[in-house]
Protein backbone atom coordinates (compact mmCIF):
# COMPACT_ATOMS: atom_id res chain seq x y z
CA MET A 1 93.58 133.64 164.06
CA THR A 2 92.67 130.49 165.99
CA PRO A 3 90.10 128.29 164.26
CA SER A 4 86.81 128.06 166.13
CA ILE A 5 86.33 124.43 165.15
CA ILE A 6 88.44 121.32 165.32
CA ALA A 7 88.44 118.95 162.37
CA ARG A 8 86.43 115.74 162.77
CA GLU A 9 89.51 113.58 162.23
CA GLN A 10 91.48 115.45 164.89
CA VAL A 11 88.62 115.16 167.39
CA ALA A 12 88.39 111.43 166.71
CA GLN A 13 92.13 111.04 167.17
CA ASN A 14 92.20 113.08 170.40
CA LEU A 15 89.29 111.11 171.87
CA SER A 16 90.66 107.77 170.64
CA VAL A 17 87.56 106.87 168.64
CA PRO A 18 87.09 106.03 164.97
CA THR A 19 85.95 108.88 162.74
CA GLN A 20 83.05 106.64 161.66
CA LEU A 21 81.72 106.71 165.22
CA LEU A 22 81.42 110.49 165.07
CA ILE A 23 79.70 110.20 161.70
CA ARG A 24 77.31 107.69 163.27
CA TYR A 25 76.52 110.16 166.07
CA GLU A 26 75.85 112.78 163.40
CA ALA A 27 73.51 110.41 161.55
CA HIS A 28 71.55 109.88 164.79
CA GLY A 29 71.33 113.64 165.25
CA LEU A 30 73.29 113.56 168.50
CA ILE A 31 75.94 116.00 167.29
CA ARG A 32 76.10 118.57 164.53
CA PRO A 33 79.25 119.28 162.55
CA VAL A 34 79.99 122.71 161.16
CA ARG A 35 81.99 123.64 158.12
CA GLN A 36 84.62 126.35 158.21
CA GLY A 37 86.19 126.73 154.81
CA ALA A 38 87.36 123.29 153.73
CA VAL A 39 87.31 121.91 157.28
CA GLU A 40 84.33 120.06 158.70
CA GLY A 41 84.46 119.65 162.42
CA TYR A 42 83.06 120.65 165.77
CA GLY A 43 83.02 123.66 168.01
CA PRO A 44 83.72 123.55 171.75
CA ALA A 45 80.09 122.88 172.74
CA GLU A 46 79.82 119.92 170.36
CA ILE A 47 83.12 118.50 171.59
CA ARG A 48 81.79 118.64 175.16
CA ARG A 49 78.65 116.89 173.91
CA ILE A 50 80.76 114.19 172.24
CA TRP A 51 82.66 113.75 175.50
CA THR A 52 79.35 113.34 177.35
CA ILE A 53 78.19 110.72 174.85
CA LEU A 54 81.44 108.79 175.12
CA SER A 55 81.43 109.00 178.92
CA CYS A 56 77.87 107.68 179.09
CA GLN A 57 78.71 104.80 176.80
CA ARG A 58 82.19 103.92 178.07
CA ASP A 59 81.90 104.64 181.78
CA LEU A 60 78.23 103.94 182.43
CA GLY A 61 77.49 101.36 179.75
CA ILE A 62 74.49 103.26 178.42
CA ASN A 63 73.41 102.33 174.91
CA LEU A 64 72.94 104.94 172.19
CA ALA A 65 69.16 105.13 172.68
CA GLY A 66 69.70 105.84 176.36
CA VAL A 67 72.31 108.47 175.59
CA GLU A 68 69.90 110.11 173.16
CA ALA A 69 67.22 110.27 175.87
CA ILE A 70 69.70 111.74 178.36
CA LEU A 71 70.82 114.40 175.88
CA LYS A 72 67.23 115.35 175.08
CA LEU A 73 66.47 115.71 178.78
CA ARG A 74 69.60 117.81 179.30
CA ASP A 75 68.69 120.04 176.36
CA HIS A 76 65.15 120.42 177.70
CA LEU A 77 66.44 121.24 181.18
CA ALA A 78 68.80 123.86 179.73
CA GLU A 79 65.84 125.44 177.92
CA VAL A 80 63.78 125.46 181.13
CA HIS A 81 66.66 127.19 182.92
CA ARG A 82 66.91 129.75 180.14
CA GLN A 83 63.18 130.46 180.39
CA LEU A 84 63.41 130.75 184.18
CA ASP A 85 66.25 133.25 183.80
CA VAL A 86 64.09 135.34 181.44
CA LEU A 87 61.11 135.20 183.82
CA THR A 88 63.31 136.09 186.78
CA ARG A 89 64.70 139.10 184.92
CA ARG A 90 61.20 140.24 183.93
CA LEU A 91 59.90 139.84 187.48
CA ARG A 92 62.86 141.75 188.88
CA GLU A 93 62.28 144.56 186.36
CA ALA A 94 58.55 144.67 187.17
CA LEU A 95 59.29 144.84 190.91
CA GLU A 96 61.84 147.59 190.38
CA ASP A 97 59.32 149.54 188.29
CA GLU A 98 56.65 149.07 190.95
CA ILE A 99 58.94 150.13 193.77
CA GLY A 100 60.22 153.06 191.73
CA THR A 101 56.71 154.41 191.06
CA ASP A 102 55.33 153.77 194.56
CA PRO A 103 55.48 157.02 196.57
CA ASP A 104 55.32 155.05 199.86
CA ALA A 105 58.41 153.02 199.04
């Protein structure tokens, strides 16, 4: 069975960052570790989030406060998209019901 998380130390090593940096991100609430047995680490979504944080800081020179704002906006936008998907599905179902019950359709 393949583990669904990668240990914090391994993530730090693979991304060439100190483990303390990941712990700092955790303290700021930017990432959330999970525990699987004796291993504390990150799942695929959190690793992508870490990569985003590092890219913003390394490539774009954005400070941690700016990265936090960007991540909050991204999370909010993802929620808006999720809500739009739900509304679209409901509208589609309502239209299908209306068309299905309309004898002139």
